[in-house]
PDB file of N, CA and C in Angstrom:
ATOM      1  N   UNK A   1       0.909  -1.011   0.240  1.00  0.00           N
ATOM      2  CA  UNK A   1      -0.124  -0.068  -0.022  1.00  0.00           C
ATOM      3  C   UNK A   1       0.801   1.374  -0.074  1.00  0.00           C
ATOM      4  N   UNK A   2       0.407   2.255  -1.099  1.00  0.00           N
ATOM      5  CA  UNK A   2       1.348   3.134  -1.199  1.00  0.00           C
ATOM      6  C   UNK A   2       0.777   4.590  -0.195  1.00  0.00           C
ATOM      7  N   UNK A   3       2.095   5.423   0.418  1.00  0.00           N
ATOM      8  CA  UNK A   3       1.287   6.543   1.372  1.00  0.00           C
ATOM      9  C   UNK A   3       1.048   7.409   0.631  1.00  0.00           C
ATOM     10  N   UNK A   4       1.361   7.718  -0.751  1.00  0.00           N
ATOM     11  CA  UNK A   4       0.931   9.000  -1.585  1.00  0.00           C
ATOM     12  C   UNK A   4       2.075  10.143  -1.104  1.00  0.00           C
ATOM     13  N   UNK A   5       1.598  11.309  -1.686  1.00  0.00           N
ATOM     14  CA  UNK A   5       2.155  12.212  -1.754  1.00  0.00           C
ATOM     15  C   UNK A   5       2.138  12.653  -0.164  1.00  0.00           C
ATOM     16  N   UNK A   6       3.175  13.236   0.398  1.00  0.00           N
ATOM     17  CA  UNK A   6       3.072  13.816   1.904  1.00  0.00           C
ATOM     18  C   UNK A   6       3.603  15.218   1.966  1.00  0.00           C
ATOM     19  N   UNK A   7       3.238  16.008   1.817  1.00  0.00           N
ATOM     20  CA  UNK A   7       3.487  17.657   1.807  1.00  0.00           C
ATOM     21  C   UNK A   7       4.086  17.853   3.429  1.00  0.00           C
ATOM     22  N   UNK A   8       5.293  18.483   2.920  1.00  0.00           N
ATOM     23  CA  UNK A   8       5.942  19.127   4.321  1.00  0.00           C
ATOM     24  C   UNK A   8       6.178  20.400   4.530  1.00  0.00           C
ATOM     25  N   UNK A   9       5.560  21.148   5.423  1.00  0.00           N
ATOM     26  CA  UNK A   9       5.505  22.342   5.364  1.00  0.00           C
ATOM     27  C   UNK A   9       6.506  23.097   6.538  1.00  0.00           C
ATOM     28  N   UNK A  10       7.033  24.151   6.352  1.00  0.00           N
ATOM     29  CA  UNK A  10       7.838  24.552   7.946  1.00  0.00           C
ATOM     30  C   UNK A  10       6.901  24.692   8.961  1.00  0.00           C
ATOM     31  N   UNK A  11       6.888  24.277  10.135  1.00  0.00           N
ATOM     32  CA  UNK A  11       6.098  24.695  10.954  1.00  0.00           C
ATOM     33  C   UNK A  11       5.962  26.482  11.182  1.00  0.00           C
ATOM     34  N   UNK A  12       4.895  26.803  12.038  1.00  0.00           N
ATOM     35  CA  UNK A  12       4.875  27.764  12.291  1.00  0.00           C
ATOM     36  C   UNK A  12       5.688  28.706  13.215  1.00  0.00           C
ATOM     37  N   UNK A  13       6.041  27.677  14.262  1.00  0.00           N
ATOM     38  CA  UNK A  13       7.172  28.213  15.219  1.00  0.00           C
ATOM     39  C   UNK A  13       8.477  28.503  14.404  1.00  0.00           C
ATOM     40  N   UNK A  14       8.775  27.564  13.508  1.00  0.00           N
ATOM     41  CA  UNK A  14      10.400  27.615  12.889  1.00  0.00           C
ATOM     42  C   UNK A  14      10.206  29.206  12.131  1.00  0.00           C
ATOM     43  N   UNK A  15       9.077  29.269  11.647  1.00  0.00           N
ATOM     44  CA  UNK A  15       8.680  30.683  10.936  1.00  0.00           C
ATOM     45  C   UNK A  15       8.366  32.113  11.552  1.00  0.00           C
ATOM     46  N   UNK A  16       8.156  31.827  12.979  1.00  0.00           N
ATOM     47  CA  UNK A  16       7.519  32.765  13.276  1.00  0.00           C
ATOM     48  C   UNK A  16       8.600  33.338  14.689  1.00  0.00           C
ATOM     49  N   UNK A  17       9.116  32.272  15.093  1.00  0.00           N
ATOM     50  CA  UNK A  17      10.238  32.731  16.143  1.00  0.00           C
ATOM     51  C   UNK A  17      11.282  33.783  15.688  1.00  0.00           C
ATOM     52  N   UNK A  18      11.401  34.441  16.960  1.00  0.00           N
ATOM     53  CA  UNK A  18      12.311  35.669  16.485  1.00  0.00           C
ATOM     54  C   UNK A  18      11.622  36.719  15.701  1.00  0.00           C
ATOM     55  N   UNK A  19      10.635  36.527  15.191  1.00  0.00           N
ATOM     56  CA  UNK A  19       9.924  37.922  14.229  1.00  0.00           C
ATOM     57  C   UNK A  19       8.726  37.937  14.792  1.00  0.00           C
ATOM     58  N   UNK A  20       8.181  39.013  14.173  1.00  0.00           N
ATOM     59  CA  UNK A  20       6.470  39.586  14.315  1.00  0.00           C
ATOM     60  C   UNK A  20       6.085  39.591  12.850  1.00  0.00           C
ATOM     61  N   UNK A  21       5.236  38.814  12.722  1.00  0.00           N
ATOM     62  CA  UNK A  21       4.559  38.752  11.134  1.00  0.00           C
ATOM     63  C   UNK A  21       2.981  38.657  11.190  1.00  0.00           C
ATOM     64  N   UNK A  22       2.443  38.890  10.402  1.00  0.00           N
ATOM     65  CA  UNK A  22       0.626  38.995  10.093  1.00  0.00           C
ATOM     66  C   UNK A  22       0.317  37.253   9.705  1.00  0.00           C
ATOM     67  N   UNK A  23      -0.699  37.152   9.705  1.00  0.00           N
ATOM     68  CA  UNK A  23      -1.249  35.838   9.718  1.00  0.00           C
ATOM     69  C   UNK A  23      -1.040  35.337   8.175  1.00  0.00           C
ATOM     70  N   UNK A  24      -1.180  36.239   7.356  1.00  0.00           N
ATOM     71  CA  UNK A  24      -1.048  36.043   5.943  1.00  0.00           C
ATOM     72  C   UNK A  24       0.298  35.793   5.615  1.00  0.00           C
ATOM     73  N   UNK A  25       1.121  36.838   6.204  1.00  0.00           N
ATOM     74  CA  UNK A  25       2.631  36.318   5.792  1.00  0.00           C
ATOM     75  C   UNK A  25       3.106  35.110   6.299  1.00  0.00           C
ATOM     76  N   UNK A  26       2.507  34.412   7.518  1.00  0.00           N
ATOM     77  CA  UNK A  26       2.732  33.260   8.017  1.00  0.00           C
ATOM     78  C   UNK A  26       2.112  32.547   7.284  1.00  0.00           C
ATOM     79  N   UNK A  27       1.237  32.663   6.742  1.00  0.00           N
ATOM     80  CA  UNK A  27       0.324  31.574   5.877  1.00  0.00           C
ATOM     81  C   UNK A  27       1.310  31.186   4.545  1.00  0.00           C
ATOM     82  N   UNK A  28       1.789  32.377   3.996  1.00  0.00           N
ATOM     83  CA  UNK A  28       2.502  32.409   2.831  1.00  0.00           C
ATOM     84  C   UNK A  28       4.118  31.171   3.186  1.00  0.00           C
ATOM     85  N   UNK A  29       4.460  31.727   4.167  1.00  0.00           N
ATOM     86  CA  UNK A  29       5.744  31.103   4.548  1.00  0.00           C
ATOM     87  C   UNK A  29       5.580  29.737   4.754  1.00  0.00           C
ATOM     88  N   UNK A  30       4.529  29.529   5.512  1.00  0.00           N
ATOM     89  CA  UNK A  30       4.083  28.082   5.616  1.00  0.00           C
ATOM     90  C   UNK A  30       3.660  27.090   4.781  1.00  0.00           C
ATOM     91  N   UNK A  31       3.086  27.913   3.324  1.00  0.00           N
ATOM     92  CA  UNK A  31       2.288  27.152   2.694  1.00  0.00           C
ATOM     93  C   UNK A  31       0.818  26.414   2.769  1.00  0.00           C
ATOM     94  N   UNK A  32       0.219  27.135   3.969  1.00  0.00           N
ATOM     95  CA  UNK A  32      -0.983  26.755   4.600  1.00  0.00           C
ATOM     96  C   UNK A  32      -1.999  27.785   4.187  1.00  0.00           C
ATOM     97  N   UNK A  33      -3.276  27.610   4.357  1.00  0.00           N
ATOM     98  CA  UNK A  33      -4.165  28.802   4.080  1.00  0.00           C
ATOM     99  C   UNK A  33      -4.104  29.688   5.117  1.00  0.00           C
ATOM    100  N   UNK A  34      -4.702  30.852   4.858  1.00  0.00           N
ATOM    101  CA  UNK A  34      -4.782  31.853   6.036  1.00  0.00           C
ATOM    102  C   UNK A  34      -5.793  31.547   7.138  1.00  0.00           C
ATOM    103  N   UNK A  35      -6.836  30.420   6.634  1.00  0.00           N
ATOM    104  CA  UNK A  35      -7.962  30.292   7.419  1.00  0.00           C
ATOM    105  C   UNK A  35      -7.373  29.129   8.682  1.00  0.00           C
ATOM    106  N   UNK A  36      -6.500  28.378   7.821  1.00  0.00           N
ATOM    107  CA  UNK A  36      -5.823  27.164   8.782  1.00  0.00           C
ATOM    108  C   UNK A  36      -4.641  27.744   9.920  1.00  0.00           C
ATOM    109  N   UNK A  37      -4.048  28.792   9.309  1.00  0.00           N
ATOM    110  CA  UNK A  37      -2.972  29.363  10.278  1.00  0.00           C
ATOM    111  C   UNK A  37      -3.616  30.001  11.246  1.00  0.00           C
ATOM    112  N   UNK A  38      -4.667  30.873  10.994  1.00  0.00           N
ATOM    113  CA  UNK A  38      -5.682  31.628  11.971  1.00  0.00           C
ATOM    114  C   UNK A  38      -5.971  30.675  13.292  1.00  0.00           C
ATOM    115  N   UNK A  39      -6.787  29.475  13.011  1.00  0.00           N
ATOM    116  CA  UNK A  39      -7.244  28.300  13.508  1.00  0.00           C
ATOM    117  C   UNK A  39      -6.067  27.922  14.471  1.00  0.00           C
ATOM    118  N   UNK A  40      -5.098  27.871  14.181  1.00  0.00           N
ATOM    119  CA  UNK A  40      -3.984  27.067  14.729  1.00  0.00           C
ATOM    120  C   UNK A  40      -3.512  28.394  15.635  1.00  0.00           C
ATOM    121  N   UNK A  41      -3.020  29.582  15.031  1.00  0.00           N
ATOM    122  CA  UNK A  41      -2.715  30.624  15.854  1.00  0.00           C
ATOM    123  C   UNK A  41      -3.637  30.744  16.948  1.00  0.00           C
ATOM    124  N   UNK A  42      -5.100  30.901  17.004  1.00  0.00           N
ATOM    125  CA  UNK A  42      -5.589  30.753  17.889  1.00  0.00           C
ATOM    126  C   UNK A  42      -5.620  29.607  19.400  1.00  0.00           C
ATOM    127  N   UNK A  43      -5.427  28.585  18.557  1.00  0.00           N
ATOM    128  CA  UNK A  43      -4.915  27.350  19.695  1.00  0.00           C
ATOM    129  C   UNK A  43      -3.643  28.001  20.500  1.00  0.00           C
ATOM    130  N   UNK A  44      -2.677  28.679  19.731  1.00  0.00           N
ATOM    131  CA  UNK A  44      -1.688  28.824  20.202  1.00  0.00           C
ATOM    132  C   UNK A  44      -1.677  29.848  21.693  1.00  0.00           C
ATOM    133  N   UNK A  45      -2.654  30.686  20.954  1.00  0.00           N
ATOM    134  CA  UNK A  45      -2.757  31.749  21.970  1.00  0.00           C
ATOM    135  C   UNK A  45      -3.624  31.945  23.151  1.00  0.00           C
ATOM    136  N   UNK A  46      -4.753  30.941  22.993  1.00  0.00           N
ATOM    137  CA  UNK A  46      -4.961  30.029  24.176  1.00  0.00           C
ATOM    138  C   UNK A  46      -4.339  29.164  25.282  1.00  0.00           C
ATOM    139  N   UNK A  47      -3.357  28.997  24.526  1.00  0.00           N
ATOM    140  CA  UNK A  47      -2.000  28.029  25.478  1.00  0.00           C
ATOM    141  C   UNK A  47      -1.064  29.134  25.853  1.00  0.00           C
ATOM    142  N   UNK A  48      -1.246  29.972  25.457  1.00  0.00           N
ATOM    143  CA  UNK A  48       0.223  30.956  25.707  1.00  0.00           C
ATOM    144  C   UNK A  48       1.347  31.340  25.385  1.00  0.00           C
ATOM    145  N   UNK A  49       0.976  30.852  23.850  1.00  0.00           N
ATOM    146  CA  UNK A  49       2.573  30.214  22.820  1.00  0.00           C
ATOM    147  C   UNK A  49       2.664  31.337  21.919  1.00  0.00           C
ATOM    148  N   UNK A  50       1.634  32.136  21.574  1.00  0.00           N
ATOM    149  CA  UNK A  50       1.629  33.391  21.251  1.00  0.00           C
ATOM    150  C   UNK A  50       1.002  34.371  21.466  1.00  0.00           C
ATOM    151  N   UNK A  51       1.378  35.522  20.998  1.00  0.00           N
ATOM    152  CA  UNK A  51       0.634  36.619  21.766  1.00  0.00           C
ATOM    153  C   UNK A  51       0.692  37.731  20.301  1.00  0.00           C
ATOM    154  N   UNK A  52      -0.424  38.308  20.321  1.00  0.00           N
ATOM    155  CA  UNK A  52      -0.570  39.490  19.512  1.00  0.00           C
ATOM    156  C   UNK A  52       0.475  40.908  20.096  1.00  0.00           C
ATOM    157  N   UNK A  53       0.679  41.212  18.503  1.00  0.00           N
ATOM    158  CA  UNK A  53       1.819  42.241  18.733  1.00  0.00           C
ATOM    159  C   UNK A  53       1.193  43.520  18.204  1.00  0.00           C
ATOM    160  N   UNK A  54       0.124  43.728  17.736  1.00  0.00           N
ATOM    161  CA  UNK A  54      -0.506  44.815  17.483  1.00  0.00           C
ATOM    162  C   UNK A  54      -1.154  44.599  16.160  1.00  0.00           C
ATOM    163  N   UNK A  55      -1.196  45.480  15.189  1.00  0.00           N
ATOM    164  CA  UNK A  55      -1.858  45.710  13.933  1.00  0.00           C
ATOM    165  C   UNK A  55      -0.283  46.381  13.070  1.00  0.00           C
ATOM    166  N   UNK A  56      -0.693  46.064  11.794  1.00  0.00           N
ATOM    167  CA  UNK A  56       0.187  46.335  11.096  1.00  0.00           C
ATOM    168  C   UNK A  56      -0.150  47.715  10.195  1.00  0.00           C
ATOM    169  N   UNK A  57       0.301  48.665  10.483  1.00  0.00           N
ATOM    170  CA  UNK A  57      -0.252  49.570   9.798  1.00  0.00           C
ATOM    171  C   UNK A  57      -0.025  50.288   8.365  1.00  0.00           C
ATOM    172  N   UNK A  58       1.263  49.348   7.808  1.00  0.00           N
ATOM    173  CA  UNK A  58       1.373  49.491   6.660  1.00  0.00           C
ATOM    174  C   UNK A  58       0.305  48.816   5.542  1.00  0.00           C
ATOM    175  N   UNK A  59      -0.680  48.318   5.965  1.00  0.00           N
ATOM    176  CA  UNK A  59      -1.589  47.444   5.144  1.00  0.00           C
ATOM    177  C   UNK A  59      -2.841  48.420   5.011  1.00  0.00           C
ATOM    178  N   UNK A  60      -3.243  48.804   3.809  1.00  0.00           N
ATOM    179  CA  UNK A  60      -4.103  49.694   3.609  1.00  0.00           C
ATOM    180  C   UNK A  60      -5.683  48.810   3.506  1.00  0.00           C
ATOM    181  N   UNK A  61      -6.321  48.719   4.466  1.00  0.00           N
ATOM    182  CA  UNK A  61      -7.411  47.878   4.468  1.00  0.00           C
ATOM    183  C   UNK A  61      -8.619  48.438   3.943  1.00  0.00           C
ATOM    184  N   UNK A  62      -8.702  49.875   3.850  1.00  0.00           N
ATOM    185  CA  UNK A  62     -10.019  50.471   3.132  1.00  0.00           C
ATOM    186  C   UNK A  62     -10.974  49.978   3.853  1.00  0.00           C
ATOM    187  N   UNK A  63     -11.440  49.388   4.888  1.00  0.00           N
ATOM    188  CA  UNK A  63     -12.534  48.611   5.433  1.00  0.00           C
ATOM    189  C   UNK A  63     -12.848  46.964   4.951  1.00  0.00           C
ATOM    190  N   UNK A  64     -12.115  46.522   3.988  1.00  0.00           N
ATOM    191  CA  UNK A  64     -12.213  45.459   3.713  1.00  0.00           C
ATOM    192  C   UNK A  64     -11.764  43.981   4.729  1.00  0.00           C
ATOM    193  N   UNK A  65     -12.396  43.295   5.083  1.00  0.00           N
ATOM    194  CA  UNK A  65     -11.878  42.184   5.901  1.00  0.00           C
ATOM    195  C   UNK A  65     -11.491  42.680   7.155  1.00  0.00           C
ATOM    196  N   UNK A  66     -10.551  42.120   7.798  1.00  0.00           N
ATOM    197  CA  UNK A  66     -10.198  42.160   9.273  1.00  0.00           C
ATOM    198  C   UNK A  66      -8.596  43.216   9.278  1.00  0.00           C
ATOM    199  N   UNK A  67      -8.552  43.880  10.180  1.00  0.00           N
ATOM    200  CA  UNK A  67      -7.365  44.250  10.198  1.00  0.00           C
ATOM    201  C   UNK A  67      -6.140  43.538  10.162  1.00  0.00           C
ATOM    202  N   UNK A  68      -4.963  43.562   9.933  1.00  0.00           N
ATOM    203  CA  UNK A  68      -3.746  42.640   9.618  1.00  0.00           C
ATOM    204  C   UNK A  68      -3.102  42.663  11.034  1.00  0.00           C
ATOM    205  N   UNK A  69      -3.446  41.408  11.793  1.00  0.00           N
ATOM    206  CA  UNK A  69      -3.046  41.347  13.004  1.00  0.00           C
ATOM    207  C   UNK A  69      -1.236  41.059  12.901  1.00  0.00           C
ATOM    208  N   UNK A  70      -0.712  41.630  13.671  1.00  0.00           N
ATOM    209  CA  UNK A  70       0.590  41.029  14.224  1.00  0.00           C
ATOM    210  C   UNK A  70       1.185  39.765  15.275  1.00  0.00           C
ATOM    211  N   UNK A  71       1.510  38.937  14.774  1.00  0.00           N
ATOM    212  CA  UNK A  71       1.985  37.985  16.049  1.00  0.00           C
ATOM    213  C   UNK A  71       3.461  37.606  16.252  1.00  0.00           C
ATOM    214  N   UNK A  72       3.881  37.081  17.650  1.00  0.00           N
ATOM    215  CA  UNK A  72       4.850  37.088  18.076  1.00  0.00           C
ATOM    216  C   UNK A  72       4.957  35.822  18.571  1.00  0.00           C
ATOM    217  N   UNK A  73       6.127  34.702  18.574  1.00  0.00           N
ATOM    218  CA  UNK A  73       6.300  34.093  19.460  1.00  0.00           C
ATOM    219  C   UNK A  73       6.763  34.121  20.612  1.00  0.00           C
ATOM    220  N   UNK A  74       5.964  33.602  21.761  1.00  0.00           N
ATOM    221  CA  UNK A  74       6.695  34.013  23.227  1.00  0.00           C
ATOM    222  C   UNK A  74       7.118  32.625  24.081  1.00  0.00           C
ATOM    223  N   UNK A  75       6.439  31.453  23.322  1.00  0.00           N
ATOM    224  CA  UNK A  75       7.209  30.278  24.436  1.00  0.00           C
ATOM    225  C   UNK A  75       8.603  29.900  23.988  1.00  0.00           C
ATOM    226  N   UNK A  76       9.213  29.444  24.907  1.00  0.00           N
ATOM    227  CA  UNK A  76      10.603  28.918  24.843  1.00  0.00           C
ATOM    228  C   UNK A  76      10.561  28.054  23.573  1.00  0.00           C
TER     229      UNK A  76
END
């Protein structure tokens, strides 16, 4: 029985550790969808692994969607 294709993506921790990034930037760096990254960050936030680090003021939102939330890794 064949396993099929197995995609490996950098983990959120590897991408985010030592940086402050938006959800979209994390999704692009890990190859995941913004929705799945947002869900994972919500779980990490509840466990105290990440923190919100503000709003990205460089993004011109013009009232569409959510503001660009910045995240930082705080766990060791």
